[in-house]
Amino acid sequence: MRPAGTALRLTLLLGEDDRHRHHPLHREVVRRARAAGLPGVTVLRGDEGYGRHWQVHTTRLVDRAERLPVVVIVVGEPAAIRAFRGEGAALLDEVDCIRYSRGRRR
């Protein structure tokens, strides 16, 4: 493990029903991040959450198992993340990156 420096983490809080054209919005974010050369993207699906309308969406109740939360985390160089971010609500924070290498180094 070796330090790699400081990066920015962009966190997008979406709903699973959010769309870009006819495709899930989180897939479009992943596609664009890859095209922009950003080194890491992770999509996490939530079991429960609520947003600006205070309505709880959960997998525990069949009639409420829609609009579940999706979190997209993108990490990269500060300038690249700022250029990628675009418009809309997002969380942006500075993180320390550590790189892990495969195998053993002696």
PDB file of N, CA and C in Angstrom:
ATOM      1  N   MET A   1       0.845  -1.159   0.000  1.00  0.00           N
ATOM      2  CA  MET A   1       0.000   0.000   0.000  1.00  0.00           C
ATOM      3  C   MET A   1       0.895   1.228   0.000  1.00  0.00           C
ATOM      4  N   ARG A   2       0.503   2.209  -0.822  1.00  0.00           N
ATOM      5  CA  ARG A   2       1.278   3.439  -0.872  1.00  0.00           C
ATOM      6  C   ARG A   2       0.331   4.615  -1.051  1.00  0.00           C
ATOM      7  N   PRO A   3       0.656   5.757  -0.480  1.00  0.00           N
ATOM      8  CA  PRO A   3      -0.223   6.912  -0.646  1.00  0.00           C
ATOM      9  C   PRO A   3      -0.252   7.359  -2.097  1.00  0.00           C
ATOM     10  N   ALA A   4      -1.406   7.766  -2.545  1.00  0.00           N
ATOM     11  CA  ALA A   4      -1.551   8.213  -3.923  1.00  0.00           C
ATOM     12  C   ALA A   4      -1.918   9.680  -4.010  1.00  0.00           C
ATOM     13  N   GLY A   5      -2.192  10.304  -2.878  1.00  0.00           N
ATOM     14  CA  GLY A   5      -2.506  11.722  -2.897  1.00  0.00           C
ATOM     15  C   GLY A   5      -3.958  12.009  -2.578  1.00  0.00           C
ATOM     16  N   THR A   6      -4.343  13.225  -2.890  1.00  0.00           N
ATOM     17  CA  THR A   6      -5.691  13.688  -2.594  1.00  0.00           C
ATOM     18  C   THR A   6      -6.540  13.652  -3.853  1.00  0.00           C
ATOM     19  N   ALA A   7      -7.791  13.276  -3.671  1.00  0.00           N
ATOM     20  CA  ALA A   7      -8.741  13.231  -4.783  1.00  0.00           C
ATOM     21  C   ALA A   7     -10.054  13.838  -4.305  1.00  0.00           C
ATOM     22  N   LEU A   8     -10.990  13.987  -5.227  1.00  0.00           N
ATOM     23  CA  LEU A   8     -12.339  14.411  -4.863  1.00  0.00           C
ATOM     24  C   LEU A   8     -13.281  13.236  -5.044  1.00  0.00           C
ATOM     25  N   ARG A   9     -14.251  13.151  -4.118  1.00  0.00           N
ATOM     26  CA  ARG A   9     -15.295  12.138  -4.214  1.00  0.00           C
ATOM     27  C   ARG A   9     -16.607  12.860  -4.496  1.00  0.00           C
ATOM     28  N   LEU A  10     -17.222  12.510  -5.592  1.00  0.00           N
ATOM     29  CA  LEU A  10     -18.516  13.046  -5.991  1.00  0.00           C
ATOM     30  C   LEU A  10     -19.557  11.987  -5.671  1.00  0.00           C
ATOM     31  N   THR A  11     -20.530  12.330  -4.846  1.00  0.00           N
ATOM     32  CA  THR A  11     -21.579  11.388  -4.473  1.00  0.00           C
ATOM     33  C   THR A  11     -22.911  11.921  -4.983  1.00  0.00           C
ATOM     34  N   LEU A  12     -23.573  11.121  -5.807  1.00  0.00           N
ATOM     35  CA  LEU A  12     -24.874  11.481  -6.364  1.00  0.00           C
ATOM     36  C   LEU A  12     -25.940  10.636  -5.689  1.00  0.00           C
ATOM     37  N   LEU A  13     -26.979  11.271  -5.202  1.00  0.00           N
ATOM     38  CA  LEU A  13     -28.086  10.581  -4.546  1.00  0.00           C
ATOM     39  C   LEU A  13     -29.259  10.562  -5.515  1.00  0.00           C
ATOM     40  N   LEU A  14     -29.525   9.394  -6.069  1.00  0.00           N
ATOM     41  CA  LEU A  14     -30.541   9.240  -7.101  1.00  0.00           C
ATOM     42  C   LEU A  14     -31.628   8.286  -6.634  1.00  0.00           C
ATOM     43  N   GLY A  15     -32.661   8.169  -7.443  1.00  0.00           N
ATOM     44  CA  GLY A  15     -33.682   7.147  -7.254  1.00  0.00           C
ATOM     45  C   GLY A  15     -33.548   6.138  -8.379  1.00  0.00           C
ATOM     46  N   GLU A  16     -33.920   4.887  -8.117  1.00  0.00           N
ATOM     47  CA  GLU A  16     -33.755   3.865  -9.144  1.00  0.00           C
ATOM     48  C   GLU A  16     -34.629   4.121 -10.364  1.00  0.00           C
ATOM     49  N   ASP A  17     -35.660   4.940 -10.227  1.00  0.00           N
ATOM     50  CA  ASP A  17     -36.533   5.252 -11.352  1.00  0.00           C
ATOM     51  C   ASP A  17     -36.067   6.464 -12.150  1.00  0.00           C
ATOM     52  N   ASP A  18     -35.024   7.155 -11.708  1.00  0.00           N
ATOM     53  CA  ASP A  18     -34.503   8.310 -12.440  1.00  0.00           C
ATOM     54  C   ASP A  18     -33.940   7.843 -13.773  1.00  0.00           C
ATOM     55  N   ARG A  19     -34.297   8.549 -14.834  1.00  0.00           N
ATOM     56  CA  ARG A  19     -33.939   8.132 -16.187  1.00  0.00           C
ATOM     57  C   ARG A  19     -33.210   9.223 -16.953  1.00  0.00           C
ATOM     58  N   HIS A  20     -32.388   8.785 -17.885  1.00  0.00           N
ATOM     59  CA  HIS A  20     -31.793   9.640 -18.906  1.00  0.00           C
ATOM     60  C   HIS A  20     -32.231   9.021 -20.221  1.00  0.00           C
ATOM     61  N   ARG A  21     -33.111   9.708 -20.903  1.00  0.00           N
ATOM     62  CA  ARG A  21     -33.786   9.130 -22.064  1.00  0.00           C
ATOM     63  C   ARG A  21     -34.517   7.881 -21.593  1.00  0.00           C
ATOM     64  N   HIS A  22     -34.211   6.707 -22.110  1.00  0.00           N
ATOM     65  CA  HIS A  22     -34.930   5.498 -21.685  1.00  0.00           C
ATOM     66  C   HIS A  22     -34.072   4.585 -20.827  1.00  0.00           C
ATOM     67  N   HIS A  23     -32.942   5.087 -20.341  1.00  0.00           N
ATOM     68  CA  HIS A  23     -32.009   4.262 -19.578  1.00  0.00           C
ATOM     69  C   HIS A  23     -31.912   4.766 -18.137  1.00  0.00           C
ATOM     70  N   PRO A  24     -31.604   3.872 -17.188  1.00  0.00           N
ATOM     71  CA  PRO A  24     -31.408   4.323 -15.808  1.00  0.00           C
ATOM     72  C   PRO A  24     -30.311   5.382 -15.731  1.00  0.00           C
ATOM     73  N   LEU A  25     -30.563   6.439 -14.979  1.00  0.00           N
ATOM     74  CA  LEU A  25     -29.622   7.553 -14.876  1.00  0.00           C
ATOM     75  C   LEU A  25     -28.279   7.107 -14.321  1.00  0.00           C
ATOM     76  N   HIS A  26     -28.279   6.187 -13.358  1.00  0.00           N
ATOM     77  CA  HIS A  26     -27.003   5.756 -12.784  1.00  0.00           C
ATOM     78  C   HIS A  26     -26.122   5.072 -13.831  1.00  0.00           C
ATOM     79  N   ARG A  27     -26.712   4.374 -14.782  1.00  0.00           N
ATOM     80  CA  ARG A  27     -25.912   3.758 -15.854  1.00  0.00           C
ATOM     81  C   ARG A  27     -25.307   4.816 -16.768  1.00  0.00           C
ATOM     82  N   GLU A  28     -26.045   5.875 -17.011  1.00  0.00           N
ATOM     83  CA  GLU A  28     -25.526   6.963 -17.840  1.00  0.00           C
ATOM     84  C   GLU A  28     -24.367   7.662 -17.139  1.00  0.00           C
ATOM     85  N   VAL A  29     -24.463   7.841 -15.824  1.00  0.00           N
ATOM     86  CA  VAL A  29     -23.365   8.446 -15.063  1.00  0.00           C
ATOM     87  C   VAL A  29     -22.116   7.582 -15.179  1.00  0.00           C
ATOM     88  N   VAL A  30     -22.265   6.260 -15.020  1.00  0.00           N
ATOM     89  CA  VAL A  30     -21.122   5.348 -15.138  1.00  0.00           C
ATOM     90  C   VAL A  30     -20.521   5.431 -16.535  1.00  0.00           C
ATOM     91  N   ARG A  31     -21.374   5.439 -17.554  1.00  0.00           N
ATOM     92  CA  ARG A  31     -20.887   5.515 -18.941  1.00  0.00           C
ATOM     93  C   ARG A  31     -20.093   6.797 -19.174  1.00  0.00           C
ATOM     94  N   ARG A  32     -20.633   7.917 -18.707  1.00  0.00           N
ATOM     95  CA  ARG A  32     -19.954   9.203 -18.918  1.00  0.00           C
ATOM     96  C   ARG A  32     -18.667   9.320 -18.105  1.00  0.00           C
ATOM     97  N   ALA A  33     -18.664   8.782 -16.893  1.00  0.00           N
ATOM     98  CA  ALA A  33     -17.448   8.817 -16.070  1.00  0.00           C
ATOM     99  C   ALA A  33     -16.340   8.005 -16.732  1.00  0.00           C
ATOM    100  N   ARG A  34     -16.700   6.863 -17.276  1.00  0.00           N
ATOM    101  CA  ARG A  34     -15.700   6.033 -17.968  1.00  0.00           C
ATOM    102  C   ARG A  34     -15.177   6.752 -19.206  1.00  0.00           C
ATOM    103  N   ALA A  35     -16.088   7.364 -19.965  1.00  0.00           N
ATOM    104  CA  ALA A  35     -15.684   8.103 -21.165  1.00  0.00           C
ATOM    105  C   ALA A  35     -14.787   9.288 -20.810  1.00  0.00           C
ATOM    106  N   ALA A  36     -14.984   9.872 -19.624  1.00  0.00           N
ATOM    107  CA  ALA A  36     -14.171  11.007 -19.175  1.00  0.00           C
ATOM    108  C   ALA A  36     -12.828  10.567 -18.602  1.00  0.00           C
ATOM    109  N   GLY A  37     -12.614   9.253 -18.498  1.00  0.00           N
ATOM    110  CA  GLY A  37     -11.346   8.742 -17.996  1.00  0.00           C
ATOM    111  C   GLY A  37     -11.198   8.786 -16.483  1.00  0.00           C
ATOM    112  N   LEU A  38     -12.313   8.912 -15.770  1.00  0.00           N
ATOM    113  CA  LEU A  38     -12.246   8.923 -14.307  1.00  0.00           C
ATOM    114  C   LEU A  38     -11.922   7.518 -13.805  1.00  0.00           C
ATOM    115  N   PRO A  39     -11.060   7.406 -12.793  1.00  0.00           N
ATOM    116  CA  PRO A  39     -10.528   6.095 -12.407  1.00  0.00           C
ATOM    117  C   PRO A  39     -11.460   5.181 -11.624  1.00  0.00           C
ATOM    118  N   GLY A  40     -12.526   5.697 -11.020  1.00  0.00           N
ATOM    119  CA  GLY A  40     -13.357   4.814 -10.220  1.00  0.00           C
ATOM    120  C   GLY A  40     -14.778   5.290 -10.048  1.00  0.00           C
ATOM    121  N   VAL A  41     -15.727   4.368 -10.250  1.00  0.00           N
ATOM    122  CA  VAL A  41     -17.143   4.647 -10.043  1.00  0.00           C
ATOM    123  C   VAL A  41     -17.764   3.422  -9.369  1.00  0.00           C
ATOM    124  N   THR A  42     -18.619   3.665  -8.383  1.00  0.00           N
ATOM    125  CA  THR A  42     -19.348   2.588  -7.719  1.00  0.00           C
ATOM    126  C   THR A  42     -20.814   2.983  -7.614  1.00  0.00           C
ATOM    127  N   VAL A  43     -21.706   2.032  -7.888  1.00  0.00           N
ATOM    128  CA  VAL A  43     -23.145   2.238  -7.742  1.00  0.00           C
ATOM    129  C   VAL A  43     -23.629   1.337  -6.608  1.00  0.00           C
ATOM    130  N   LEU A  44     -24.323   1.933  -5.651  1.00  0.00           N
ATOM    131  CA  LEU A  44     -24.864   1.200  -4.505  1.00  0.00           C
ATOM    132  C   LEU A  44     -26.380   1.346  -4.492  1.00  0.00           C
ATOM    133  N   ARG A  45     -27.072   0.233  -4.392  1.00  0.00           N
ATOM    134  CA  ARG A  45     -28.536   0.262  -4.290  1.00  0.00           C
ATOM    135  C   ARG A  45     -28.935   0.203  -2.820  1.00  0.00           C
ATOM    136  N   GLY A  46     -29.860   1.059  -2.447  1.00  0.00           N
ATOM    137  CA  GLY A  46     -30.298   1.105  -1.060  1.00  0.00           C
ATOM    138  C   GLY A  46     -31.559   0.293  -0.822  1.00  0.00           C
ATOM    139  N   ASP A  47     -31.727  -0.173   0.398  1.00  0.00           N
ATOM    140  CA  ASP A  47     -32.931  -0.900   0.797  1.00  0.00           C
ATOM    141  C   ASP A  47     -34.022   0.026   1.312  1.00  0.00           C
ATOM    142  N   GLU A  48     -33.612   1.228   1.719  1.00  0.00           N
ATOM    143  CA  GLU A  48     -34.581   2.128   2.310  1.00  0.00           C
ATOM    144  C   GLU A  48     -34.042   3.551   2.274  1.00  0.00           C
ATOM    145  N   GLY A  49     -34.941   4.518   2.120  1.00  0.00           N
ATOM    146  CA  GLY A  49     -34.531   5.910   2.141  1.00  0.00           C
ATOM    147  C   GLY A  49     -35.710   6.834   1.888  1.00  0.00           C
ATOM    148  N   TYR A  50     -35.469   8.120   2.035  1.00  0.00           N
ATOM    149  CA  TYR A  50     -36.473   9.117   1.677  1.00  0.00           C
ATOM    150  C   TYR A  50     -35.759  10.340   1.146  1.00  0.00           C
ATOM    151  N   GLY A  51     -36.507  11.158   0.430  1.00  0.00           N
ATOM    152  CA  GLY A  51     -35.938  12.344  -0.185  1.00  0.00           C
ATOM    153  C   GLY A  51     -36.688  13.588   0.226  1.00  0.00           C
ATOM    154  N   ARG A  52     -36.723  14.540  -0.686  1.00  0.00           N
ATOM    155  CA  ARG A  52     -37.263  15.857  -0.356  1.00  0.00           C
ATOM    156  C   ARG A  52     -38.755  15.855  -0.018  1.00  0.00           C
ATOM    157  N   HIS A  53     -39.491  14.801  -0.405  1.00  0.00           N
ATOM    158  CA  HIS A  53     -40.927  14.750  -0.104  1.00  0.00           C
ATOM    159  C   HIS A  53     -41.224  13.976   1.181  1.00  0.00           C
ATOM    160  N   TRP A  54     -40.191  13.509   1.869  1.00  0.00           N
ATOM    161  CA  TRP A  54     -40.297  12.838   3.163  1.00  0.00           C
ATOM    162  C   TRP A  54     -41.067  11.520   3.101  1.00  0.00           C
ATOM    163  N   GLN A  55     -41.270  10.969   1.915  1.00  0.00           N
ATOM    164  CA  GLN A  55     -41.955   9.684   1.794  1.00  0.00           C
ATOM    165  C   GLN A  55     -40.907   8.573   1.836  1.00  0.00           C
ATOM    166  N   VAL A  56     -41.062   7.639   2.772  1.00  0.00           N
ATOM    167  CA  VAL A  56     -40.101   6.546   2.916  1.00  0.00           C
ATOM    168  C   VAL A  56     -40.334   5.521   1.814  1.00  0.00           C
ATOM    169  N   HIS A  57     -39.254   5.132   1.152  1.00  0.00           N
ATOM    170  CA  HIS A  57     -39.267   4.077   0.140  1.00  0.00           C
ATOM    171  C   HIS A  57     -38.466   2.922   0.723  1.00  0.00           C
ATOM    172  N   THR A  58     -39.054   1.736   0.731  1.00  0.00           N
ATOM    173  CA  THR A  58     -38.403   0.609   1.397  1.00  0.00           C
ATOM    174  C   THR A  58     -38.688  -0.701   0.681  1.00  0.00           C
ATOM    175  N   THR A  59     -37.812  -1.669   0.850  1.00  0.00           N
ATOM    176  CA  THR A  59     -38.037  -3.008   0.298  1.00  0.00           C
ATOM    177  C   THR A  59     -38.868  -3.850   1.263  1.00  0.00           C
ATOM    178  N   ARG A  60     -39.098  -3.358   2.476  1.00  0.00           N
ATOM    179  CA  ARG A  60     -39.853  -4.133   3.470  1.00  0.00           C
ATOM    180  C   ARG A  60     -41.339  -4.198   3.159  1.00  0.00           C
ATOM    181  N   LEU A  61     -41.864  -3.230   2.458  1.00  0.00           N
ATOM    182  CA  LEU A  61     -43.286  -3.201   2.122  1.00  0.00           C
ATOM    183  C   LEU A  61     -43.431  -3.296   0.610  1.00  0.00           C
ATOM    184  N   VAL A  62     -44.189  -4.280   0.151  1.00  0.00           N
ATOM    185  CA  VAL A  62     -44.312  -4.522  -1.290  1.00  0.00           C
ATOM    186  C   VAL A  62     -44.834  -3.297  -2.023  1.00  0.00           C
ATOM    187  N   ASP A  63     -45.829  -2.617  -1.462  1.00  0.00           N
ATOM    188  CA  ASP A  63     -46.394  -1.455  -2.151  1.00  0.00           C
ATOM    189  C   ASP A  63     -45.489  -0.228  -2.101  1.00  0.00           C
ATOM    190  N   ARG A  64     -44.415  -0.269  -1.317  1.00  0.00           N
ATOM    191  CA  ARG A  64     -43.472   0.849  -1.243  1.00  0.00           C
ATOM    192  C   ARG A  64     -42.134   0.524  -1.897  1.00  0.00           C
ATOM    193  N   ALA A  65     -42.020  -0.624  -2.542  1.00  0.00           N
ATOM    194  CA  ALA A  65     -40.736  -1.068  -3.102  1.00  0.00           C
ATOM    195  C   ALA A  65     -40.477  -0.441  -4.463  1.00  0.00           C
ATOM    196  N   GLU A  66     -40.688   0.836  -4.569  1.00  0.00           N
ATOM    197  CA  GLU A  66     -40.342   1.568  -5.784  1.00  0.00           C
ATOM    198  C   GLU A  66     -39.642   2.856  -5.389  1.00  0.00           C
ATOM    199  N   ARG A  67     -38.963   3.442  -6.328  1.00  0.00           N
ATOM    200  CA  ARG A  67     -38.163   4.654  -6.090  1.00  0.00           C
ATOM    201  C   ARG A  67     -37.141   4.445  -4.983  1.00  0.00           C
ATOM    202  N   LEU A  68     -36.558   3.260  -4.941  1.00  0.00           N
ATOM    203  CA  LEU A  68     -35.525   2.980  -3.948  1.00  0.00           C
ATOM    204  C   LEU A  68     -34.292   3.826  -4.235  1.00  0.00           C
ATOM    205  N   PRO A  69     -33.514   4.149  -3.209  1.00  0.00           N
ATOM    206  CA  PRO A  69     -32.340   5.003  -3.415  1.00  0.00           C
ATOM    207  C   PRO A  69     -31.210   4.287  -4.141  1.00  0.00           C
ATOM    208  N   VAL A  70     -30.501   5.055  -4.947  1.00  0.00           N
ATOM    209  CA  VAL A  70     -29.286   4.603  -5.625  1.00  0.00           C
ATOM    210  C   VAL A  70     -28.227   5.672  -5.370  1.00  0.00           C
ATOM    211  N   VAL A  71     -27.068   5.252  -4.885  1.00  0.00           N
ATOM    212  CA  VAL A  71     -25.961   6.167  -4.622  1.00  0.00           C
ATOM    213  C   VAL A  71     -24.861   5.875  -5.630  1.00  0.00           C
ATOM    214  N   VAL A  72     -24.412   6.903  -6.329  1.00  0.00           N
ATOM    215  CA  VAL A  72     -23.307   6.761  -7.280  1.00  0.00           C
ATOM    216  C   VAL A  72     -22.121   7.539  -6.720  1.00  0.00           C
ATOM    217  N   ILE A  73     -20.990   6.859  -6.571  1.00  0.00           N
ATOM    218  CA  ILE A  73     -19.774   7.477  -6.040  1.00  0.00           C
ATOM    219  C   ILE A  73     -18.722   7.481  -7.135  1.00  0.00           C
ATOM    220  N   VAL A  74     -18.210   8.666  -7.442  1.00  0.00           N
ATOM    221  CA  VAL A  74     -17.185   8.831  -8.472  1.00  0.00           C
ATOM    222  C   VAL A  74     -15.970   9.468  -7.799  1.00  0.00           C
ATOM    223  N   VAL A  75     -14.796   8.897  -8.008  1.00  0.00           N
ATOM    224  CA  VAL A  75     -13.572   9.421  -7.407  1.00  0.00           C
ATOM    225  C   VAL A  75     -12.572   9.732  -8.508  1.00  0.00           C
ATOM    226  N   GLY A  76     -11.881  10.860  -8.360  1.00  0.00           N
ATOM    227  CA  GLY A  76     -10.867  11.215  -9.347  1.00  0.00           C
ATOM    228  C   GLY A  76     -10.114  12.472  -8.961  1.00  0.00           C
ATOM    229  N   GLU A  77      -9.258  12.892  -9.872  1.00  0.00           N
ATOM    230  CA  GLU A  77      -8.482  14.121  -9.674  1.00  0.00           C
ATOM    231  C   GLU A  77      -9.445  15.299  -9.525  1.00  0.00           C
ATOM    232  N   PRO A  78      -9.131  16.255  -8.657  1.00  0.00           N
ATOM    233  CA  PRO A  78     -10.045  17.371  -8.422  1.00  0.00           C
ATOM    234  C   PRO A  78     -10.511  18.094  -9.690  1.00  0.00           C
ATOM    235  N   ALA A  79      -9.606  18.412 -10.591  1.00  0.00           N
ATOM    236  CA  ALA A  79     -10.001  19.135 -11.809  1.00  0.00           C
ATOM    237  C   ALA A  79     -10.934  18.294 -12.673  1.00  0.00           C
ATOM    238  N   ALA A  80     -10.665  17.004 -12.774  1.00  0.00           N
ATOM    239  CA  ALA A  80     -11.494  16.120 -13.595  1.00  0.00           C
ATOM    240  C   ALA A  80     -12.893  15.956 -12.998  1.00  0.00           C
ATOM    241  N   ILE A  81     -12.976  15.839 -11.685  1.00  0.00           N
ATOM    242  CA  ILE A  81     -14.283  15.704 -11.028  1.00  0.00           C
ATOM    243  C   ILE A  81     -15.086  16.988 -11.173  1.00  0.00           C
ATOM    244  N   ARG A  82     -14.427  18.135 -10.999  1.00  0.00           N
ATOM    245  CA  ARG A  82     -15.148  19.414 -11.135  1.00  0.00           C
ATOM    246  C   ARG A  82     -15.664  19.600 -12.560  1.00  0.00           C
ATOM    247  N   ALA A  83     -14.883  19.186 -13.550  1.00  0.00           N
ATOM    248  CA  ALA A  83     -15.317  19.284 -14.945  1.00  0.00           C
ATOM    249  C   ALA A  83     -16.459  18.313 -15.230  1.00  0.00           C
ATOM    250  N   PHE A  84     -16.440  17.162 -14.599  1.00  0.00           N
ATOM    251  CA  PHE A  84     -17.445  16.125 -14.829  1.00  0.00           C
ATOM    252  C   PHE A  84     -18.765  16.430 -14.128  1.00  0.00           C
ATOM    253  N   ARG A  85     -18.695  17.075 -12.994  1.00  0.00           N
ATOM    254  CA  ARG A  85     -19.846  17.244 -12.107  1.00  0.00           C
ATOM    255  C   ARG A  85     -21.075  17.808 -12.788  1.00  0.00           C
ATOM    256  N   GLY A  86     -20.934  18.825 -13.589  1.00  0.00           N
ATOM    257  CA  GLY A  86     -22.093  19.410 -14.249  1.00  0.00           C
ATOM    258  C   GLY A  86     -23.036  20.079 -13.267  1.00  0.00           C
ATOM    259  N   GLU A  87     -24.338  20.007 -13.571  1.00  0.00           N
ATOM    260  CA  GLU A  87     -25.351  20.661 -12.750  1.00  0.00           C
ATOM    261  C   GLU A  87     -26.090  19.638 -11.901  1.00  0.00           C
ATOM    262  N   GLY A  88     -26.838  20.125 -10.938  1.00  0.00           N
ATOM    263  CA  GLY A  88     -27.641  19.244 -10.104  1.00  0.00           C
ATOM    264  C   GLY A  88     -27.056  19.083  -8.715  1.00  0.00           C
ATOM    265  N   ALA A  89     -27.852  18.502  -7.834  1.00  0.00           N
ATOM    266  CA  ALA A  89     -27.448  18.312  -6.443  1.00  0.00           C
ATOM    267  C   ALA A  89     -26.463  17.160  -6.323  1.00  0.00           C
ATOM    268  N   ALA A  90     -25.399  17.401  -5.592  1.00  0.00           N
ATOM    269  CA  ALA A  90     -24.378  16.373  -5.395  1.00  0.00           C
ATOM    270  C   ALA A  90     -23.587  16.704  -4.139  1.00  0.00           C
ATOM    271  N   LEU A  91     -22.962  15.697  -3.580  1.00  0.00           N
ATOM    272  CA  LEU A  91     -22.036  15.886  -2.463  1.00  0.00           C
ATOM    273  C   LEU A  91     -20.629  15.811  -3.021  1.00  0.00           C
ATOM    274  N   LEU A  92     -19.782  16.711  -2.597  1.00  0.00           N
ATOM    275  CA  LEU A  92     -18.412  16.759  -3.088  1.00  0.00           C
ATOM    276  C   LEU A  92     -17.494  16.906  -1.884  1.00  0.00           C
ATOM    277  N   ASP A  93     -16.575  15.951  -1.718  1.00  0.00           N
ATOM    278  CA  ASP A  93     -15.647  16.054  -0.598  1.00  0.00           C
ATOM    279  C   ASP A  93     -14.265  15.546  -0.981  1.00  0.00           C
ATOM    280  N   GLU A  94     -13.279  16.070  -0.257  1.00  0.00           N
ATOM    281  CA  GLU A  94     -11.883  15.704  -0.493  1.00  0.00           C
ATOM    282  C   GLU A  94     -11.579  14.409   0.251  1.00  0.00           C
ATOM    283  N   VAL A  95     -10.888  13.494  -0.424  1.00  0.00           N
ATOM    284  CA  VAL A  95     -10.520  12.215   0.195  1.00  0.00           C
ATOM    285  C   VAL A  95      -9.043  11.939  -0.033  1.00  0.00           C
ATOM    286  N   ASP A  96      -8.448  11.200   0.895  1.00  0.00           N
ATOM    287  CA  ASP A  96      -7.071  10.734   0.730  1.00  0.00           C
ATOM    288  C   ASP A  96      -7.122   9.368   0.062  1.00  0.00           C
ATOM    289  N   CYS A  97      -6.393   9.216  -1.018  1.00  0.00           N
ATOM    290  CA  CYS A  97      -6.380   7.950  -1.748  1.00  0.00           C
ATOM    291  C   CYS A  97      -5.167   7.125  -1.352  1.00  0.00           C
ATOM    292  N   ILE A  98      -5.399   5.842  -1.232  1.00  0.00           N
ATOM    293  CA  ILE A  98      -4.328   4.887  -0.969  1.00  0.00           C
ATOM    294  C   ILE A  98      -4.406   3.835  -2.056  1.00  0.00           C
ATOM    295  N   ARG A  99      -3.295   3.530  -2.659  1.00  0.00           N
ATOM    296  CA  ARG A  99      -3.273   2.518  -3.715  1.00  0.00           C
ATOM    297  C   ARG A  99      -2.744   1.215  -3.158  1.00  0.00           C
ATOM    298  N   TYR A 100      -3.453   0.163  -3.466  1.00  0.00           N
ATOM    299  CA  TYR A 100      -3.019  -1.177  -3.089  1.00  0.00           C
ATOM    300  C   TYR A 100      -2.465  -1.843  -4.328  1.00  0.00           C
ATOM    301  N   SER A 101      -1.324  -2.491  -4.186  1.00  0.00           N
ATOM    302  CA  SER A 101      -0.740  -3.181  -5.334  1.00  0.00           C
ATOM    303  C   SER A 101      -0.924  -4.679  -5.167  1.00  0.00           C
ATOM    304  N   ARG A 102      -1.002  -5.362  -6.282  1.00  0.00           N
ATOM    305  CA  ARG A 102      -1.141  -6.817  -6.257  1.00  0.00           C
ATOM    306  C   ARG A 102       0.185  -7.466  -5.920  1.00  0.00           C
ATOM    307  N   GLY A 103       0.090  -8.597  -5.251  1.00  0.00           N
ATOM    308  CA  GLY A 103       1.312  -9.332  -4.951  1.00  0.00           C
ATOM    309  C   GLY A 103       2.085  -8.716  -3.802  1.00  0.00           C
ATOM    310  N   ARG A 104       3.197  -9.328  -3.504  1.00  0.00           N
ATOM    311  CA  ARG A 104       4.040  -8.852  -2.401  1.00  0.00           C
ATOM    312  C   ARG A 104       5.249  -8.113  -2.939  1.00  0.00           C
ATOM    313  N   ARG A 105       5.559  -7.029  -2.319  1.00  0.00           N
ATOM    314  CA  ARG A 105       6.773  -6.280  -2.655  1.00  0.00           C
ATOM    315  C   ARG A 105       7.771  -6.475  -1.546  1.00  0.00           C
ATOM    316  N   ARG A 106       9.009  -6.660  -1.905  1.00  0.00           N
ATOM    317  CA  ARG A 106      10.056  -6.840  -0.893  1.00  0.00           C
ATOM    318  C   ARG A 106      11.107  -5.803  -1.044  1.00  0.00           C
TER     319      ARG A 106
END
